[in-house]
Amino acid sequence: MESVVLVDAYDNEIGTMEKMEAHEKGILHRAFSVFVFNNNDELLIHRRALEKYHSGGLWTNTCCSHPRPGEELSKAAHRRLMEEMGFDCELHHAFSFIYHAELDKGLAEHELDHVFVGVFNGEPNINRDEVCEWRYVGLSELSEEMQNHPEIFTEWFKIALPIVKREKNKVTV
């Protein structure tokens, strides 16, 4: 069973909990989201596999997950990028935010989400258990899609994308 790291609002660790229990109870835990751009300033996004335990079939950022207990955040981001998308690249911590969102299947996300940004110009080698589709998309086009069809995107992606757009020029990638 996978566990997540429970944190307070200042990202201080306060314990661990089985991942599904944390999502059933909506308990604040540490997470990360990775946003990878290509040299054309397009974001690599993916559609979550339909079988995912929540938000299946929704479009989201390049990858996201939770660090394991005792695992360094940046190492977790690199690990998960390889596990989901089949590549690795240099990543820079951009910012973090806290959100709470009710999800499908009676689950909730309550995360202190650390956002990492990187650059990659190739094609991912996706893990079909995690990803059913992927594409590079420009931020203007993506923002328009998100405005016109918010229901096809994950909750955390809708919150993080405007911040990424605003903060992107402040982060060296």
N, C-alpha and C. Protein backbone atom coordinates (compact mmCIF):
# COMPACT_ATOMS: atom_id res chain seq x y z
N MET A 1 0.83 -1.19 0.00
CA MET A 1 0.00 0.00 0.00
C MET A 1 0.88 1.25 0.00
N GLU A 2 0.48 2.20 -0.81
CA GLU A 2 1.22 3.47 -0.88
C GLU A 2 0.76 4.40 0.23
N SER A 3 1.73 5.13 0.78
CA SER A 3 1.41 6.13 1.79
C SER A 3 1.78 7.51 1.27
N VAL A 4 1.08 8.52 1.79
CA VAL A 4 1.41 9.91 1.49
C VAL A 4 1.91 10.57 2.77
N VAL A 5 2.63 11.67 2.60
CA VAL A 5 3.17 12.42 3.72
C VAL A 5 2.17 13.50 4.10
N LEU A 6 1.67 13.43 5.31
CA LEU A 6 0.75 14.45 5.82
C LEU A 6 1.57 15.66 6.26
N VAL A 7 1.05 16.85 5.96
CA VAL A 7 1.77 18.08 6.29
C VAL A 7 0.80 19.10 6.87
N ASP A 8 1.38 20.13 7.53
CA ASP A 8 0.57 21.27 7.93
C ASP A 8 0.66 22.32 6.81
N ALA A 9 0.05 23.46 7.01
CA ALA A 9 0.01 24.50 5.98
C ALA A 9 1.38 25.08 5.66
N TYR A 10 2.38 24.80 6.51
CA TYR A 10 3.74 25.30 6.28
C TYR A 10 4.65 24.20 5.74
N ASP A 11 4.08 23.09 5.32
CA ASP A 11 4.79 21.95 4.75
C ASP A 11 5.65 21.21 5.77
N ASN A 12 5.31 21.33 7.04
CA ASN A 12 5.98 20.53 8.07
C ASN A 12 5.32 19.15 8.11
N GLU A 13 6.12 18.10 8.08
CA GLU A 13 5.58 16.75 8.13
C GLU A 13 4.95 16.48 9.49
N ILE A 14 3.75 15.91 9.46
CA ILE A 14 3.06 15.58 10.71
C ILE A 14 2.67 14.11 10.78
N GLY A 15 3.06 13.33 9.76
CA GLY A 15 2.76 11.91 9.78
C GLY A 15 2.61 11.35 8.38
N THR A 16 2.12 10.13 8.30
CA THR A 16 1.84 9.49 7.02
C THR A 16 0.46 8.84 7.10
N MET A 17 -0.10 8.56 5.94
CA MET A 17 -1.41 7.90 5.88
C MET A 17 -1.47 7.14 4.56
N GLU A 18 -2.21 6.05 4.56
CA GLU A 18 -2.41 5.31 3.33
C GLU A 18 -3.07 6.25 2.31
N LYS A 19 -2.60 6.20 1.06
CA LYS A 19 -3.01 7.17 0.03
C LYS A 19 -4.53 7.24 -0.16
N MET A 20 -5.19 6.11 -0.29
CA MET A 20 -6.63 6.14 -0.52
C MET A 20 -7.38 6.72 0.68
N GLU A 21 -6.93 6.41 1.88
CA GLU A 21 -7.57 6.95 3.08
C GLU A 21 -7.46 8.48 3.10
N ALA A 22 -6.26 8.99 2.74
CA ALA A 22 -6.06 10.45 2.71
C ALA A 22 -6.99 11.10 1.69
N HIS A 23 -7.23 10.42 0.56
CA HIS A 23 -8.11 10.98 -0.45
C HIS A 23 -9.59 10.80 -0.09
N GLU A 24 -9.91 9.77 0.66
CA GLU A 24 -11.30 9.59 1.13
C GLU A 24 -11.65 10.63 2.18
N LYS A 25 -10.69 10.96 3.04
CA LYS A 25 -10.92 11.90 4.14
C LYS A 25 -10.57 13.34 3.80
N GLY A 26 -9.89 13.57 2.68
CA GLY A 26 -9.50 14.92 2.28
C GLY A 26 -8.47 15.53 3.23
N ILE A 27 -7.51 14.73 3.68
CA ILE A 27 -6.48 15.19 4.61
C ILE A 27 -5.33 15.85 3.83
N LEU A 28 -4.83 16.97 4.34
CA LEU A 28 -3.75 17.71 3.68
C LEU A 28 -2.48 16.86 3.62
N HIS A 29 -1.95 16.71 2.40
CA HIS A 29 -0.73 15.93 2.20
C HIS A 29 0.13 16.57 1.11
N ARG A 30 1.39 16.17 1.07
CA ARG A 30 2.36 16.73 0.13
C ARG A 30 2.21 16.07 -1.24
N ALA A 31 2.31 16.89 -2.26
CA ALA A 31 2.22 16.42 -3.64
C ALA A 31 3.14 17.26 -4.50
N PHE A 32 3.26 16.86 -5.76
CA PHE A 32 4.01 17.68 -6.72
C PHE A 32 3.36 17.58 -8.09
N SER A 33 3.56 18.61 -8.88
CA SER A 33 3.09 18.67 -10.26
C SER A 33 4.24 19.14 -11.13
N VAL A 34 4.44 18.46 -12.25
CA VAL A 34 5.53 18.78 -13.17
C VAL A 34 4.94 19.37 -14.45
N PHE A 35 5.51 20.49 -14.88
CA PHE A 35 5.11 21.17 -16.12
C PHE A 35 6.34 21.22 -17.02
N VAL A 36 6.31 20.48 -18.13
CA VAL A 36 7.45 20.44 -19.04
C VAL A 36 7.06 21.11 -20.36
N PHE A 37 7.89 22.06 -20.76
CA PHE A 37 7.69 22.80 -22.00
C PHE A 37 8.72 22.37 -23.03
N ASN A 38 8.41 22.59 -24.31
CA ASN A 38 9.43 22.41 -25.35
C ASN A 38 9.99 23.78 -25.73
N ASN A 39 10.91 23.79 -26.68
CA ASN A 39 11.54 25.05 -27.08
C ASN A 39 10.59 25.99 -27.82
N ASN A 40 9.43 25.49 -28.22
CA ASN A 40 8.41 26.34 -28.85
C ASN A 40 7.45 26.92 -27.81
N ASP A 41 7.79 26.78 -26.54
CA ASP A 41 6.99 27.27 -25.42
C ASP A 41 5.63 26.58 -25.36
N GLU A 42 5.58 25.33 -25.81
CA GLU A 42 4.36 24.53 -25.70
C GLU A 42 4.50 23.60 -24.50
N LEU A 43 3.39 23.41 -23.80
CA LEU A 43 3.36 22.56 -22.62
C LEU A 43 3.00 21.14 -23.02
N LEU A 44 3.72 20.18 -22.47
CA LEU A 44 3.40 18.77 -22.66
C LEU A 44 2.33 18.39 -21.64
N ILE A 45 1.14 18.07 -22.13
CA ILE A 45 0.05 17.66 -21.26
C ILE A 45 -0.33 16.22 -21.60
N HIS A 46 -1.05 15.59 -20.68
CA HIS A 46 -1.51 14.23 -20.96
C HIS A 46 -2.92 14.03 -20.43
N ARG A 47 -3.55 13.03 -20.99
CA ARG A 47 -4.88 12.62 -20.53
C ARG A 47 -4.69 11.39 -19.66
N ARG A 48 -5.18 11.48 -18.43
CA ARG A 48 -5.02 10.38 -17.47
C ARG A 48 -5.72 9.13 -17.97
N ALA A 49 -5.10 7.98 -17.73
CA ALA A 49 -5.70 6.70 -18.11
C ALA A 49 -7.11 6.61 -17.53
N LEU A 50 -8.00 6.00 -18.27
CA LEU A 50 -9.40 5.90 -17.85
C LEU A 50 -9.56 5.12 -16.55
N GLU A 51 -8.63 4.21 -16.26
CA GLU A 51 -8.72 3.35 -15.08
C GLU A 51 -8.15 3.98 -13.81
N LYS A 52 -7.66 5.22 -13.87
CA LYS A 52 -7.06 5.85 -12.69
C LYS A 52 -8.08 5.90 -11.55
N TYR A 53 -7.59 5.91 -10.32
CA TYR A 53 -8.48 5.85 -9.16
C TYR A 53 -9.32 7.11 -8.99
N HIS A 54 -8.93 8.19 -9.61
CA HIS A 54 -9.79 9.38 -9.72
C HIS A 54 -9.36 10.18 -10.94
N SER A 55 -10.25 11.01 -11.43
CA SER A 55 -9.98 11.92 -12.55
C SER A 55 -9.53 11.20 -13.82
N GLY A 56 -9.95 9.95 -13.98
CA GLY A 56 -9.62 9.20 -15.18
C GLY A 56 -10.16 9.86 -16.43
N GLY A 57 -9.34 9.90 -17.48
CA GLY A 57 -9.74 10.47 -18.76
C GLY A 57 -9.65 11.98 -18.84
N LEU A 58 -9.21 12.64 -17.77
CA LEU A 58 -9.11 14.11 -17.80
C LEU A 58 -7.70 14.53 -18.21
N TRP A 59 -7.61 15.68 -18.88
CA TRP A 59 -6.33 16.26 -19.29
C TRP A 59 -5.68 16.94 -18.10
N THR A 60 -4.36 16.86 -18.04
CA THR A 60 -3.63 17.45 -16.93
C THR A 60 -2.21 17.79 -17.34
N ASN A 61 -1.45 18.33 -16.40
CA ASN A 61 -0.06 18.71 -16.65
C ASN A 61 0.80 17.47 -16.94
N THR A 62 2.06 17.68 -17.23
CA THR A 62 2.95 16.63 -17.71
C THR A 62 2.94 15.41 -16.80
N CYS A 63 3.08 15.58 -15.52
CA CYS A 63 2.90 14.48 -14.57
C CYS A 63 2.70 15.04 -13.18
N CYS A 64 2.20 14.21 -12.28
CA CYS A 64 2.00 14.62 -10.90
C CYS A 64 1.89 13.38 -10.03
N SER A 65 2.17 13.56 -8.76
CA SER A 65 2.09 12.45 -7.84
C SER A 65 2.37 12.93 -6.43
N HIS A 66 2.78 11.99 -5.59
CA HIS A 66 3.12 12.26 -4.20
C HIS A 66 4.50 11.70 -3.92
N PRO A 67 5.32 12.43 -3.16
CA PRO A 67 6.59 11.83 -2.74
C PRO A 67 6.30 10.73 -1.72
N ARG A 68 7.14 9.71 -1.73
CA ARG A 68 7.01 8.65 -0.73
C ARG A 68 7.57 9.15 0.60
N PRO A 69 7.15 8.58 1.70
CA PRO A 69 7.73 8.98 2.99
C PRO A 69 9.26 8.85 2.94
N GLY A 70 9.95 9.93 3.33
CA GLY A 70 11.40 9.94 3.33
C GLY A 70 12.04 10.28 2.00
N GLU A 71 11.23 10.44 0.94
CA GLU A 71 11.76 10.72 -0.40
C GLU A 71 11.84 12.23 -0.62
N GLU A 72 12.96 12.68 -1.12
CA GLU A 72 13.15 14.09 -1.45
C GLU A 72 12.21 14.48 -2.59
N LEU A 73 11.63 15.67 -2.51
CA LEU A 73 10.65 16.12 -3.51
C LEU A 73 11.19 16.07 -4.93
N SER A 74 12.37 16.63 -5.17
CA SER A 74 12.88 16.68 -6.54
C SER A 74 13.16 15.27 -7.07
N LYS A 75 13.63 14.38 -6.21
CA LYS A 75 13.86 12.99 -6.65
C LYS A 75 12.53 12.33 -7.00
N ALA A 76 11.50 12.62 -6.23
CA ALA A 76 10.18 12.07 -6.49
C ALA A 76 9.64 12.57 -7.84
N ALA A 77 9.86 13.85 -8.12
CA ALA A 77 9.40 14.42 -9.40
C ALA A 77 10.10 13.75 -10.58
N HIS A 78 11.41 13.56 -10.46
CA HIS A 78 12.16 12.88 -11.54
C HIS A 78 11.71 11.42 -11.68
N ARG A 79 11.52 10.74 -10.55
CA ARG A 79 11.07 9.34 -10.58
C ARG A 79 9.74 9.22 -11.31
N ARG A 80 8.81 10.09 -10.93
CA ARG A 80 7.48 9.99 -11.50
C ARG A 80 7.44 10.39 -12.98
N LEU A 81 8.26 11.35 -13.35
CA LEU A 81 8.35 11.73 -14.76
C LEU A 81 8.77 10.52 -15.60
N MET A 82 9.73 9.76 -15.09
CA MET A 82 10.15 8.53 -15.79
C MET A 82 9.05 7.48 -15.78
N GLU A 83 8.39 7.29 -14.64
CA GLU A 83 7.36 6.26 -14.53
C GLU A 83 6.15 6.54 -15.41
N GLU A 84 5.73 7.79 -15.50
CA GLU A 84 4.53 8.13 -16.27
C GLU A 84 4.83 8.42 -17.73
N MET A 85 5.88 9.24 -17.96
CA MET A 85 6.10 9.76 -19.31
C MET A 85 7.31 9.17 -20.01
N GLY A 86 8.13 8.40 -19.30
CA GLY A 86 9.23 7.68 -19.93
C GLY A 86 10.42 8.53 -20.33
N PHE A 87 10.60 9.69 -19.70
CA PHE A 87 11.78 10.51 -19.95
C PHE A 87 12.10 11.30 -18.69
N ASP A 88 13.26 11.90 -18.68
CA ASP A 88 13.66 12.76 -17.57
C ASP A 88 14.29 14.01 -18.16
N CYS A 89 14.26 15.09 -17.42
CA CYS A 89 14.89 16.34 -17.83
C CYS A 89 15.19 17.15 -16.58
N GLU A 90 15.95 18.20 -16.73
CA GLU A 90 16.24 19.07 -15.60
C GLU A 90 14.94 19.73 -15.15
N LEU A 91 14.73 19.78 -13.84
CA LEU A 91 13.52 20.40 -13.28
C LEU A 91 13.91 21.45 -12.26
N HIS A 92 13.13 22.52 -12.21
CA HIS A 92 13.35 23.60 -11.25
C HIS A 92 12.07 23.81 -10.45
N HIS A 93 12.20 23.91 -9.13
CA HIS A 93 11.04 24.19 -8.28
C HIS A 93 10.59 25.62 -8.55
N ALA A 94 9.32 25.80 -8.90
CA ALA A 94 8.81 27.12 -9.25
C ALA A 94 8.04 27.77 -8.11
N PHE A 95 7.11 27.03 -7.50
CA PHE A 95 6.28 27.57 -6.42
C PHE A 95 5.50 26.41 -5.82
N SER A 96 4.76 26.68 -4.78
CA SER A 96 3.85 25.70 -4.21
C SER A 96 2.54 26.39 -3.84
N PHE A 97 1.49 25.60 -3.72
CA PHE A 97 0.17 26.14 -3.36
C PHE A 97 -0.63 25.04 -2.67
N ILE A 98 -1.63 25.46 -1.92
CA ILE A 98 -2.53 24.52 -1.25
C ILE A 98 -3.91 24.63 -1.91
N TYR A 99 -4.51 23.49 -2.14
CA TYR A 99 -5.87 23.50 -2.68
C TYR A 99 -6.65 22.33 -2.09
N HIS A 100 -7.96 22.46 -2.16
CA HIS A 100 -8.89 21.40 -1.77
C HIS A 100 -9.93 21.30 -2.86
N ALA A 101 -10.14 20.09 -3.36
CA ALA A 101 -11.12 19.90 -4.44
C ALA A 101 -11.84 18.57 -4.24
N GLU A 102 -13.15 18.60 -4.41
CA GLU A 102 -13.94 17.37 -4.40
C GLU A 102 -13.80 16.73 -5.78
N LEU A 103 -13.57 15.42 -5.79
CA LEU A 103 -13.34 14.69 -7.03
C LEU A 103 -14.44 13.67 -7.26
N ASP A 104 -14.28 12.91 -8.32
CA ASP A 104 -15.21 11.83 -8.61
C ASP A 104 -14.98 10.68 -7.63
N LYS A 105 -15.85 9.71 -7.63
CA LYS A 105 -15.75 8.49 -6.83
C LYS A 105 -15.70 8.76 -5.33
N GLY A 106 -16.25 9.92 -4.89
CA GLY A 106 -16.30 10.24 -3.48
C GLY A 106 -14.96 10.61 -2.86
N LEU A 107 -13.99 10.94 -3.68
CA LEU A 107 -12.66 11.28 -3.19
C LEU A 107 -12.45 12.79 -3.20
N ALA A 108 -11.42 13.22 -2.48
CA ALA A 108 -11.08 14.64 -2.42
C ALA A 108 -9.56 14.78 -2.46
N GLU A 109 -9.10 15.85 -3.08
CA GLU A 109 -7.68 16.21 -3.04
C GLU A 109 -7.56 17.38 -2.08
N HIS A 110 -6.65 17.27 -1.14
CA HIS A 110 -6.30 18.38 -0.26
C HIS A 110 -4.78 18.32 -0.19
N GLU A 111 -4.15 19.11 -1.04
CA GLU A 111 -2.71 18.96 -1.24
C GLU A 111 -1.96 20.27 -1.08
N LEU A 112 -0.76 20.15 -0.57
CA LEU A 112 0.24 21.20 -0.67
C LEU A 112 1.08 20.74 -1.85
N ASP A 113 0.84 21.37 -2.99
CA ASP A 113 1.37 20.94 -4.28
C ASP A 113 2.60 21.77 -4.64
N HIS A 114 3.74 21.11 -4.81
CA HIS A 114 4.99 21.74 -5.24
C HIS A 114 5.09 21.62 -6.75
N VAL A 115 5.26 22.74 -7.43
CA VAL A 115 5.29 22.76 -8.89
C VAL A 115 6.73 22.86 -9.39
N PHE A 116 7.06 21.94 -10.30
CA PHE A 116 8.37 21.91 -10.94
C PHE A 116 8.19 22.18 -12.43
N VAL A 117 9.16 22.89 -13.02
CA VAL A 117 9.11 23.25 -14.43
C VAL A 117 10.39 22.77 -15.11
N GLY A 118 10.25 22.27 -16.33
CA GLY A 118 11.41 21.80 -17.09
C GLY A 118 11.21 21.97 -18.57
N VAL A 119 12.24 21.57 -19.34
CA VAL A 119 12.21 21.66 -20.81
C VAL A 119 12.60 20.30 -21.38
N PHE A 120 11.83 19.86 -22.39
CA PHE A 120 12.09 18.60 -23.09
C PHE A 120 11.52 18.74 -24.49
N ASN A 121 12.27 18.32 -25.49
CA ASN A 121 11.82 18.50 -26.88
C ASN A 121 11.49 17.21 -27.61
N GLY A 122 11.57 16.09 -26.94
CA GLY A 122 11.30 14.83 -27.62
C GLY A 122 9.88 14.36 -27.43
N GLU A 123 9.67 13.11 -27.82
CA GLU A 123 8.38 12.46 -27.62
C GLU A 123 8.47 11.61 -26.36
N PRO A 124 7.46 11.68 -25.51
CA PRO A 124 7.47 10.82 -24.32
C PRO A 124 7.25 9.36 -24.71
N ASN A 125 7.65 8.47 -23.83
CA ASN A 125 7.41 7.04 -23.98
C ASN A 125 6.45 6.67 -22.85
N ILE A 126 5.17 6.94 -23.08
CA ILE A 126 4.16 6.92 -22.02
C ILE A 126 3.91 5.52 -21.44
N ASN A 127 3.55 5.52 -20.17
CA ASN A 127 3.11 4.33 -19.46
C ASN A 127 1.59 4.27 -19.63
N ARG A 128 1.11 3.28 -20.36
CA ARG A 128 -0.32 3.17 -20.68
C ARG A 128 -1.20 2.95 -19.45
N ASP A 129 -0.60 2.51 -18.33
CA ASP A 129 -1.37 2.38 -17.09
C ASP A 129 -1.67 3.75 -16.48
N GLU A 130 -0.93 4.76 -16.89
CA GLU A 130 -1.05 6.11 -16.33
C GLU A 130 -1.62 7.12 -17.32
N VAL A 131 -1.31 6.94 -18.59
CA VAL A 131 -1.56 7.95 -19.63
C VAL A 131 -2.23 7.29 -20.83
N CYS A 132 -3.31 7.91 -21.35
CA CYS A 132 -3.93 7.36 -22.55
C CYS A 132 -3.71 8.24 -23.78
N GLU A 133 -3.31 9.48 -23.58
CA GLU A 133 -3.04 10.40 -24.69
C GLU A 133 -2.09 11.48 -24.21
N TRP A 134 -1.36 12.09 -25.13
CA TRP A 134 -0.50 13.21 -24.78
C TRP A 134 -0.39 14.15 -25.97
N ARG A 135 0.01 15.39 -25.69
CA ARG A 135 0.26 16.35 -26.76
C ARG A 135 0.98 17.57 -26.20
N TYR A 136 1.66 18.28 -27.08
CA TYR A 136 2.21 19.59 -26.76
C TYR A 136 1.17 20.62 -27.19
N VAL A 137 0.97 21.66 -26.38
CA VAL A 137 -0.02 22.68 -26.71
C VAL A 137 0.48 24.04 -26.23
N GLY A 138 0.20 25.07 -27.02
CA GLY A 138 0.54 26.44 -26.63
C GLY A 138 -0.34 26.91 -25.49
N LEU A 139 0.18 27.81 -24.66
CA LEU A 139 -0.55 28.26 -23.48
C LEU A 139 -1.81 29.04 -23.81
N SER A 140 -1.80 29.81 -24.89
CA SER A 140 -3.01 30.56 -25.27
C SER A 140 -4.12 29.60 -25.68
N GLU A 141 -3.77 28.62 -26.51
CA GLU A 141 -4.75 27.63 -26.95
C GLU A 141 -5.27 26.82 -25.76
N LEU A 142 -4.36 26.44 -24.87
CA LEU A 142 -4.75 25.67 -23.69
C LEU A 142 -5.67 26.48 -22.78
N SER A 143 -5.37 27.74 -22.55
CA SER A 143 -6.22 28.59 -21.72
C SER A 143 -7.62 28.71 -22.31
N GLU A 144 -7.69 28.83 -23.63
CA GLU A 144 -9.00 28.92 -24.30
C GLU A 144 -9.77 27.61 -24.14
N GLU A 145 -9.09 26.48 -24.34
CA GLU A 145 -9.74 25.18 -24.14
C GLU A 145 -10.26 25.03 -22.72
N MET A 146 -9.43 25.46 -21.76
CA MET A 146 -9.79 25.33 -20.36
C MET A 146 -10.99 26.20 -20.02
N GLN A 147 -11.06 27.37 -20.63
CA GLN A 147 -12.20 28.26 -20.40
C GLN A 147 -13.47 27.69 -21.02
N ASN A 148 -13.36 27.12 -22.22
CA ASN A 148 -14.53 26.61 -22.93
C ASN A 148 -14.98 25.23 -22.46
N HIS A 149 -14.05 24.43 -21.96
CA HIS A 149 -14.37 23.05 -21.56
C HIS A 149 -13.67 22.68 -20.25
N PRO A 150 -13.95 23.38 -19.15
CA PRO A 150 -13.25 23.10 -17.89
C PRO A 150 -13.44 21.67 -17.39
N GLU A 151 -14.52 21.04 -17.80
CA GLU A 151 -14.84 19.70 -17.30
C GLU A 151 -13.88 18.62 -17.81
N ILE A 152 -13.06 18.92 -18.82
CA ILE A 152 -12.15 17.90 -19.35
C ILE A 152 -10.74 18.00 -18.75
N PHE A 153 -10.57 18.87 -17.75
CA PHE A 153 -9.26 19.08 -17.12
C PHE A 153 -9.34 18.75 -15.63
N THR A 154 -8.21 18.31 -15.07
CA THR A 154 -8.16 18.02 -13.64
C THR A 154 -8.27 19.31 -12.83
N GLU A 155 -8.77 19.16 -11.61
CA GLU A 155 -8.97 20.33 -10.74
C GLU A 155 -7.66 21.05 -10.44
N TRP A 156 -6.60 20.30 -10.09
CA TRP A 156 -5.34 20.94 -9.74
C TRP A 156 -4.71 21.65 -10.94
N PHE A 157 -4.91 21.11 -12.13
CA PHE A 157 -4.36 21.72 -13.34
C PHE A 157 -5.02 23.07 -13.59
N LYS A 158 -6.33 23.16 -13.38
CA LYS A 158 -7.05 24.43 -13.57
C LYS A 158 -6.58 25.49 -12.59
N ILE A 159 -6.16 25.07 -11.40
CA ILE A 159 -5.65 26.02 -10.41
C ILE A 159 -4.21 26.41 -10.72
N ALA A 160 -3.38 25.44 -11.05
CA ALA A 160 -1.94 25.67 -11.21
C ALA A 160 -1.57 26.38 -12.51
N LEU A 161 -2.28 26.11 -13.60
CA LEU A 161 -1.88 26.67 -14.90
C LEU A 161 -1.78 28.20 -14.90
N PRO A 162 -2.77 28.94 -14.38
CA PRO A 162 -2.62 30.40 -14.39
C PRO A 162 -1.40 30.88 -13.59
N ILE A 163 -1.07 30.17 -12.51
CA ILE A 163 0.11 30.54 -11.72
C ILE A 163 1.38 30.23 -12.50
N VAL A 164 1.41 29.08 -13.17
CA VAL A 164 2.56 28.72 -13.99
C VAL A 164 2.78 29.76 -15.08
N LYS A 165 1.70 30.17 -15.72
CA LYS A 165 1.81 31.19 -16.78
C LYS A 165 2.40 32.48 -16.22
N ARG A 166 1.95 32.88 -15.04
CA ARG A 166 2.42 34.12 -14.42
C ARG A 166 3.86 33.99 -13.92
N GLU A 167 4.21 32.85 -13.36
CA GLU A 167 5.52 32.65 -12.74
C GLU A 167 6.58 32.14 -13.71
N LYS A 168 6.16 31.66 -14.86
CA LYS A 168 7.09 30.98 -15.79
C LYS A 168 8.30 31.83 -16.14
N ASN A 169 8.11 33.07 -16.40
CA ASN A 169 9.22 33.93 -16.81
C ASN A 169 10.19 34.23 -15.67
N LYS A 170 9.77 33.95 -14.44
CA LYS A 170 10.65 34.17 -13.29
C LYS A 170 11.55 32.98 -13.01
N VAL A 171 11.23 31.83 -13.63
CA VAL A 171 11.98 30.59 -13.38
C VAL A 171 12.89 30.33 -14.56
N THR A 172 14.14 30.07 -14.29
CA THR A 172 15.08 29.71 -15.34
C THR A 172 14.94 28.23 -15.65
N VAL A 173 14.59 27.95 -16.92
CA VAL A 173 14.48 26.54 -17.33
C VAL A 173 15.49 26.24 -18.43
